[in-house]
Amino acid sequence: MHFTKTQIAIAFAMAIFFGCGNPSPESEAPKSSEPTESAASSTEKPTFAFVTNNASNFWAIAKKGLDKAEEDFDIIVDFQQPPTGTIADQRRIIENLLNKGIDGISVSPIDAENQSDFLKEVADQVPLLCHDSDAPQSGRLAYVGTNNFKAGVEAGKLIKEVLPEGGQIMLFVGLLDAQNAQDRKAGIEKELEGSGIEILDTRTDGVDTAKARANAEDAMVSNPDLDCLVGLWSYNGPALADAVKGSNKVGDIDIVCFDEDGSTLQAIQDGIIHGTVVQQPYQMGYQSMALLKKIHDEGAEKAVPEGGVIDTGVQIVRKDNVEQFWADLKKLTGED
């Protein structure tokens, strides 16, 4: 099957139009660390890779978008997750993909600054996109994902909702080397200027969920006046909720976080988490593949949007809209 340029343009425009829709669930996604059959095989379909920055359930939602892109654009998608979330894992995966003859790669860099030289080498060989977390100096053709500074500003607004008179908060994240973590933190700091809300510290867990919970438990013990815990990555919300429940602090300490992990949504319904800034991982997957296909068919000069960014947007989920959001999410991913 072969699409005309006109069909591809229409399909891509539809992908952008529906980019305001909701993301998808927390079902378990494939977590292979070795590339599957690639463009080097006998198939005439182009093969594009989608490489995440860790093996979080967050990426299960993106996988649904990738699956839809395979159907819509007649492509093969190689979905790859670094099992331990390290630069070494991610580099090995990408090198294997290149050796297999991949036609294009979309990657979420783990450490943009320290990976840019390697990613430049990748960009010299195949069309390269970034998703979720950007690496502007990497030679990538475009970034598909959240404007993380703006997302941080939205998180700051949620924090001010729970602390209108000011207070003390602490931030929690896997790694601060990632550009998305830095941008979210900067957005929060900007929004909280002059609010009387003090950020005591930012604690990292190395993408270890057990340590994420332990960090929160330790923070509450060592800072008895702590008012709010803020999680910057998808698994931080559930870890913070477990820590607050386990410490019998529900109602005393608020939580603001990111993304739509099922445990996060349940904790919002239960009144443990105040709100979450939800990204669009489904669209990160779908639109990354739509753009790579368009680049493959028409060339980067025609395909890449002006500015080199496709902002997939965010949605704020609180107790007043979590039920509807969760129902829409399940419908989108076929789990209703």
Protein backbone atom coordinates (compact mmCIF):
# COMPACT_ATOMS: atom_id res chain seq x y z
CA MET A 1 0.00 0.00 0.00
CA HIS A 2 1.33 3.48 -0.85
CA PHE A 3 -0.03 6.84 0.16
CA THR A 4 0.11 9.85 -2.17
CA LYS A 5 1.64 13.06 -0.89
CA THR A 6 -1.83 14.56 -0.72
CA GLN A 7 -3.09 11.67 1.45
CA ILE A 8 -0.09 11.97 3.75
CA ALA A 9 -0.58 15.73 4.08
CA ILE A 10 -4.26 15.23 4.94
CA ALA A 11 -3.44 12.48 7.46
CA PHE A 12 -0.76 14.62 9.06
CA ALA A 13 -3.11 17.62 9.29
CA MET A 14 -5.70 15.38 10.98
CA ALA A 15 -3.08 14.23 13.46
CA ILE A 16 -2.31 17.84 14.36
CA PHE A 17 -6.02 18.66 14.61
CA PHE A 18 -6.71 15.81 16.99
CA GLY A 19 -3.63 16.67 19.07
CA CYS A 20 -5.87 18.32 21.63
CA GLY A 21 -7.45 14.97 22.50
CA ASN A 22 -6.70 13.03 25.67
CA PRO A 23 -3.79 10.56 26.12
CA SER A 24 -4.01 6.83 26.94
CA PRO A 25 -3.70 4.30 29.82
CA GLU A 26 -1.28 2.53 32.01
CA SER A 27 -1.46 -0.95 30.58
CA GLU A 28 1.83 -2.76 30.36
CA ALA A 29 3.76 -1.96 27.16
CA PRO A 30 6.46 -4.01 25.43
CA LYS A 31 9.81 -3.42 27.06
CA SER A 32 12.21 -5.01 24.64
CA SER A 33 15.75 -3.70 24.63
CA GLU A 34 16.74 -5.06 21.21
CA PRO A 35 15.39 -3.73 17.90
CA THR A 36 12.89 -5.85 16.03
CA GLU A 37 12.73 -6.36 12.26
CA SER A 38 13.77 -3.14 10.55
CA ALA A 39 13.99 -1.47 7.19
CA ALA A 40 16.84 -3.78 6.31
CA SER A 41 14.30 -6.59 5.90
CA SER A 42 12.47 -7.48 2.70
CA THR A 43 9.46 -5.30 3.44
CA GLU A 44 8.99 -2.11 1.46
CA LYS A 45 7.37 -0.33 4.35
CA PRO A 46 9.60 2.26 6.02
CA THR A 47 10.58 1.40 9.59
CA PHE A 48 10.85 4.11 12.22
CA ALA A 49 11.97 3.76 15.84
CA PHE A 50 10.49 5.35 18.93
CA VAL A 51 13.02 5.26 21.78
CA THR A 52 11.90 6.28 25.27
CA ASN A 53 14.00 7.47 28.21
CA ASN A 54 12.88 4.73 30.62
CA ALA A 55 10.42 1.85 31.03
CA SER A 56 7.67 3.78 32.85
CA ASN A 57 4.01 2.87 32.27
CA PHE A 58 3.67 6.40 30.87
CA TRP A 59 5.00 5.04 27.59
CA ALA A 60 2.23 2.48 27.29
CA ILE A 61 0.02 5.37 26.23
CA ALA A 62 2.49 6.49 23.58
CA LYS A 63 2.55 2.90 22.30
CA LYS A 64 -1.17 3.16 21.53
CA GLY A 65 -0.44 6.20 19.36
CA LEU A 66 2.36 4.31 17.63
CA ASP A 67 0.04 1.39 16.91
CA LYS A 68 -2.49 3.75 15.32
CA ALA A 69 0.27 5.41 13.28
CA GLU A 70 1.30 2.01 11.91
CA GLU A 71 -2.24 1.51 10.61
CA ASP A 72 -2.74 5.03 9.29
CA PHE A 73 0.60 5.52 7.55
CA ASP A 74 1.44 1.96 6.45
CA ILE A 75 4.74 1.89 8.36
CA ILE A 76 6.54 -0.36 10.83
CA VAL A 77 7.27 1.11 14.26
CA ASP A 78 10.07 -0.27 16.44
CA PHE A 79 9.19 0.66 20.05
CA GLN A 80 12.21 0.62 22.37
CA GLN A 81 12.55 1.27 26.13
CA PRO A 82 15.92 1.41 27.93
CA PRO A 83 15.33 -1.20 30.67
CA THR A 84 17.33 0.66 33.34
CA GLY A 85 16.83 4.18 31.98
CA THR A 86 20.55 4.83 31.49
CA ILE A 87 22.43 6.65 28.74
CA ALA A 88 24.38 3.47 28.03
CA ASP A 89 21.15 1.50 27.49
CA GLN A 90 19.73 4.14 25.21
CA ARG A 91 22.92 4.45 23.18
CA ARG A 92 23.16 0.68 22.69
CA ILE A 93 19.55 0.56 21.48
CA ILE A 94 20.11 3.38 18.98
CA GLU A 95 23.35 1.88 17.68
CA ASN A 96 21.58 -1.44 17.13
CA LEU A 97 18.77 0.33 15.29
CA LEU A 98 21.25 2.04 12.98
CA ASN A 99 23.01 -1.26 12.31
CA LYS A 100 19.63 -2.78 11.35
CA GLY A 101 19.02 -0.05 8.78
CA ILE A 102 16.30 2.00 10.47
CA ASP A 103 14.68 4.76 8.35
CA GLY A 104 14.26 7.34 11.13
CA ILE A 105 14.34 7.70 14.91
CA SER A 106 12.37 9.66 17.49
CA VAL A 107 14.08 9.67 20.89
CA SER A 108 13.50 11.11 24.35
CA PRO A 109 17.05 12.03 25.45
CA ILE A 110 18.02 11.09 29.00
CA ASP A 111 20.71 13.78 29.28
CA ALA A 112 20.55 16.24 26.39
CA GLU A 113 23.81 18.02 27.17
CA ASN A 114 25.91 14.88 27.41
CA GLN A 115 24.19 13.04 24.57
CA SER A 116 24.16 15.80 21.94
CA ASP A 117 27.45 14.81 20.28
CA PHE A 118 26.29 11.22 19.88
CA LEU A 119 22.87 12.31 18.64
CA LYS A 120 24.54 14.55 16.05
CA GLU A 121 26.21 11.43 14.67
CA VAL A 122 22.80 9.76 14.55
CA ALA A 123 21.26 12.77 12.80
CA ASP A 124 23.96 12.56 10.13
CA GLN A 125 22.75 9.05 9.26
CA VAL A 126 18.94 9.13 9.57
CA PRO A 127 16.17 11.68 10.20
CA LEU A 128 16.16 12.33 13.94
CA LEU A 129 13.35 13.73 16.08
CA CYS A 130 13.13 14.32 19.83
CA HIS A 131 9.96 13.70 21.82
CA ASP A 132 8.99 14.33 25.46
CA SER A 133 12.38 15.89 26.30
CA ASP A 134 14.25 18.01 23.78
CA ALA A 135 17.91 18.21 22.79
CA PRO A 136 18.04 21.35 20.62
CA GLN A 137 21.80 21.08 19.97
CA SER A 138 21.60 17.49 18.75
CA GLY A 139 20.91 18.15 15.09
CA ARG A 140 17.37 16.80 15.46
CA LEU A 141 14.93 17.99 12.81
CA ALA A 142 12.04 18.67 15.19
CA TYR A 143 10.73 18.26 18.74
CA VAL A 144 7.34 16.61 19.26
CA GLY A 145 5.94 16.94 22.75
CA THR A 146 5.13 19.15 25.69
CA ASN A 147 6.40 22.66 26.17
CA ASN A 148 7.80 21.67 29.54
CA PHE A 149 8.40 25.20 30.80
CA LYS A 150 4.72 26.01 30.24
CA ALA A 151 3.79 22.70 31.86
CA GLY A 152 5.84 23.71 34.88
CA VAL A 153 3.96 27.01 35.03
CA GLU A 154 0.68 25.05 35.11
CA ALA A 155 2.04 22.92 37.96
CA GLY A 156 2.95 26.12 39.78
CA LYS A 157 -0.64 27.29 39.47
CA LEU A 158 -1.85 24.03 41.04
CA ILE A 159 0.62 24.51 43.90
CA LYS A 160 -0.72 28.03 44.51
CA GLU A 161 -4.25 26.61 44.64
CA VAL A 162 -3.35 24.44 47.63
CA LEU A 163 -1.09 27.02 49.28
CA PRO A 164 -2.79 30.41 48.72
CA GLU A 165 -1.11 31.84 51.83
CA GLY A 166 2.34 30.44 51.00
CA GLY A 167 4.22 27.51 52.49
CA GLN A 168 7.03 25.04 51.99
CA ILE A 169 7.28 22.52 49.17
CA MET A 170 9.78 19.99 47.85
CA LEU A 171 10.27 18.71 44.31
CA PHE A 172 10.91 15.07 43.33
CA VAL A 173 12.16 13.70 40.00
CA GLY A 174 14.15 10.84 38.51
CA LEU A 175 17.02 12.84 37.02
CA LEU A 176 17.63 16.57 36.79
CA ASP A 177 19.91 16.09 33.78
CA ALA A 178 16.88 15.59 31.53
CA GLN A 179 15.76 18.76 29.75
CA ASN A 180 12.10 18.18 30.58
CA ALA A 181 12.90 18.03 34.31
CA GLN A 182 14.93 21.23 34.12
CA ASP A 183 12.24 23.05 32.15
CA ARG A 184 9.41 21.95 34.47
CA LYS A 185 11.38 23.04 37.52
CA ALA A 186 12.12 26.40 35.89
CA GLY A 187 8.42 26.90 35.05
CA ILE A 188 7.39 26.13 38.63
CA GLU A 189 9.99 28.54 39.99
CA LYS A 190 8.81 31.28 37.65
CA GLU A 191 5.14 30.86 38.58
CA LEU A 192 5.88 30.81 42.32
CA GLU A 193 7.86 34.06 42.32
CA GLY A 194 6.44 36.40 44.97
CA SER A 195 3.89 33.83 46.17
CA GLY A 196 5.40 33.16 49.58
CA ILE A 197 5.93 29.52 48.60
CA GLU A 198 9.45 28.25 49.28
CA ILE A 199 11.06 25.34 47.42
CA LEU A 200 13.19 23.63 50.06
CA ASP A 201 14.94 21.13 47.79
CA THR A 202 14.75 18.98 44.67
CA ARG A 203 15.42 15.30 45.32
CA THR A 204 16.29 12.77 42.61
CA ASP A 205 15.74 9.02 42.66
CA GLY A 206 17.54 7.72 39.57
CA VAL A 207 14.24 6.38 38.15
CA ASP A 208 13.89 4.04 41.13
CA THR A 209 10.28 3.96 42.36
CA ALA A 210 11.23 2.56 45.77
CA LYS A 211 13.73 5.37 46.27
CA ALA A 212 11.14 7.88 45.05
CA ARG A 213 8.85 6.86 47.90
CA ALA A 214 11.74 6.75 50.39
CA ASN A 215 12.80 10.26 49.36
CA ALA A 216 9.32 11.57 50.15
CA GLU A 217 9.13 9.74 53.47
CA ASP A 218 12.51 11.13 54.51
CA ALA A 219 11.50 14.63 53.41
CA MET A 220 8.39 14.58 55.60
CA VAL A 221 10.36 13.38 58.64
CA SER A 222 13.22 15.86 58.25
CA ASN A 223 10.93 18.79 57.38
CA PRO A 224 7.91 18.65 59.72
CA ASP A 225 6.54 21.93 58.34
CA LEU A 226 6.47 20.66 54.74
CA ASP A 227 3.14 21.56 53.10
CA CYS A 228 3.22 20.08 49.60
CA LEU A 229 5.12 17.43 47.62
CA VAL A 230 5.58 17.96 43.88
CA GLY A 231 6.43 15.08 41.51
CA LEU A 232 7.88 15.97 38.11
CA TRP A 233 7.84 12.54 36.40
CA SER A 234 4.96 10.12 35.88
CA TYR A 235 5.83 7.58 38.59
CA ASN A 236 6.53 10.28 41.19
CA GLY A 237 2.82 10.95 41.74
CA PRO A 238 1.99 7.38 42.86
CA ALA A 239 5.20 7.22 44.92
CA LEU A 240 4.34 10.45 46.73
CA ALA A 241 0.76 9.27 47.34
CA ASP A 242 2.02 6.01 48.84
CA ALA A 243 4.45 7.91 51.06
CA VAL A 244 1.77 10.29 52.34
CA LYS A 245 -0.67 7.43 53.00
CA GLY A 246 1.99 5.36 54.71
CA SER A 247 2.95 8.28 56.92
CA ASN A 248 -0.69 9.02 57.87
CA LYS A 249 -0.34 12.52 56.40
CA VAL A 250 -3.39 12.48 54.10
CA GLY A 251 -5.12 15.84 54.56
CA ASP A 252 -2.00 17.38 56.10
CA ILE A 253 0.30 17.36 53.07
CA ASP A 254 -0.87 18.10 49.52
CA ILE A 255 0.51 16.61 46.31
CA VAL A 256 0.83 18.06 42.82
CA CYS A 257 2.31 15.96 40.02
CA PHE A 258 2.53 15.16 36.32
CA ASP A 259 0.91 12.63 34.00
CA GLU A 260 -1.98 10.18 34.13
CA ASP A 261 -0.75 7.00 35.75
CA GLY A 262 -3.79 5.03 36.92
CA SER A 263 -2.60 5.23 40.52
CA THR A 264 -2.33 9.00 40.19
CA LEU A 265 -5.89 9.29 38.90
CA GLN A 266 -7.17 7.04 41.70
CA ALA A 267 -5.33 9.15 44.27
CA ILE A 268 -7.00 12.27 42.88
CA GLN A 269 -10.40 10.60 43.23
CA ASP A 270 -9.47 9.63 46.79
CA GLY A 271 -8.44 13.18 47.69
CA ILE A 272 -4.76 12.34 48.23
CA ILE A 273 -3.41 14.17 45.16
CA HIS A 274 -4.76 17.65 44.45
CA GLY A 275 -4.08 17.69 40.72
CA THR A 276 -1.84 16.56 37.88
CA VAL A 277 -0.52 18.18 34.72
CA VAL A 278 -1.30 15.64 32.00
CA GLN A 279 0.70 15.47 28.81
CA GLN A 280 -0.31 13.86 25.52
CA PRO A 281 1.89 10.75 25.16
CA TYR A 282 -0.54 9.24 22.64
CA GLN A 283 0.05 12.23 20.39
CA MET A 284 3.82 12.16 21.02
CA GLY A 285 3.83 8.70 19.53
CA TYR A 286 1.35 9.31 16.74
CA GLN A 287 2.65 12.67 15.58
CA SER A 288 6.31 11.62 15.75
CA MET A 289 5.56 8.81 13.30
CA ALA A 290 3.37 11.04 11.13
CA LEU A 291 6.24 13.51 10.81
CA LEU A 292 8.89 10.86 10.12
CA LYS A 293 6.66 9.41 7.39
CA LYS A 294 6.18 12.85 5.87
CA ILE A 295 9.93 13.48 5.98
CA HIS A 296 10.49 10.09 4.33
CA ASP A 297 8.05 10.88 1.52
CA GLU A 298 8.61 14.59 0.95
CA GLY A 299 11.94 15.51 2.52
CA ALA A 300 12.64 17.48 5.69
CA GLU A 301 12.46 20.89 4.05
CA LYS A 302 8.79 20.41 3.16
CA ALA A 303 7.75 18.26 6.10
CA VAL A 304 9.21 19.93 9.19
CA PRO A 305 6.98 22.70 10.60
CA GLU A 306 8.34 26.21 10.98
CA GLY A 307 10.25 26.48 14.23
CA GLY A 308 10.80 22.73 14.36
CA VAL A 309 8.33 22.15 17.20
CA ILE A 310 4.99 20.34 17.46
CA ASP A 311 3.54 21.20 20.87
CA THR A 312 1.22 18.38 21.94
CA GLY A 313 -0.17 20.41 24.86
CA VAL A 314 -1.28 19.59 28.41
CA GLN A 315 -4.50 19.18 30.38
CA ILE A 316 -5.06 19.85 34.08
CA VAL A 317 -6.85 17.06 35.96
CA ARG A 318 -8.38 17.63 39.41
CA LYS A 319 -11.08 15.88 41.38
CA ASP A 320 -13.83 17.75 39.51
CA ASN A 321 -12.88 16.32 36.10
CA VAL A 322 -10.89 13.15 36.85
CA GLU A 323 -13.81 10.78 36.33
CA GLN A 324 -14.58 12.07 32.84
CA PHE A 325 -10.89 12.27 31.95
CA TRP A 326 -10.32 8.66 33.00
CA ALA A 327 -13.35 7.46 31.03
CA ASP A 328 -12.12 9.28 27.92
CA LEU A 329 -8.66 7.84 28.43
CA LYS A 330 -9.98 4.28 28.58
CA LYS A 331 -12.10 4.83 25.50
CA LEU A 332 -9.12 6.19 23.56
CA THR A 333 -7.02 3.16 24.38
CA GLY A 334 -9.76 0.55 24.03
CA GLU A 335 -10.03 -0.26 27.72
CA ASP A 336 -13.61 0.86 28.35
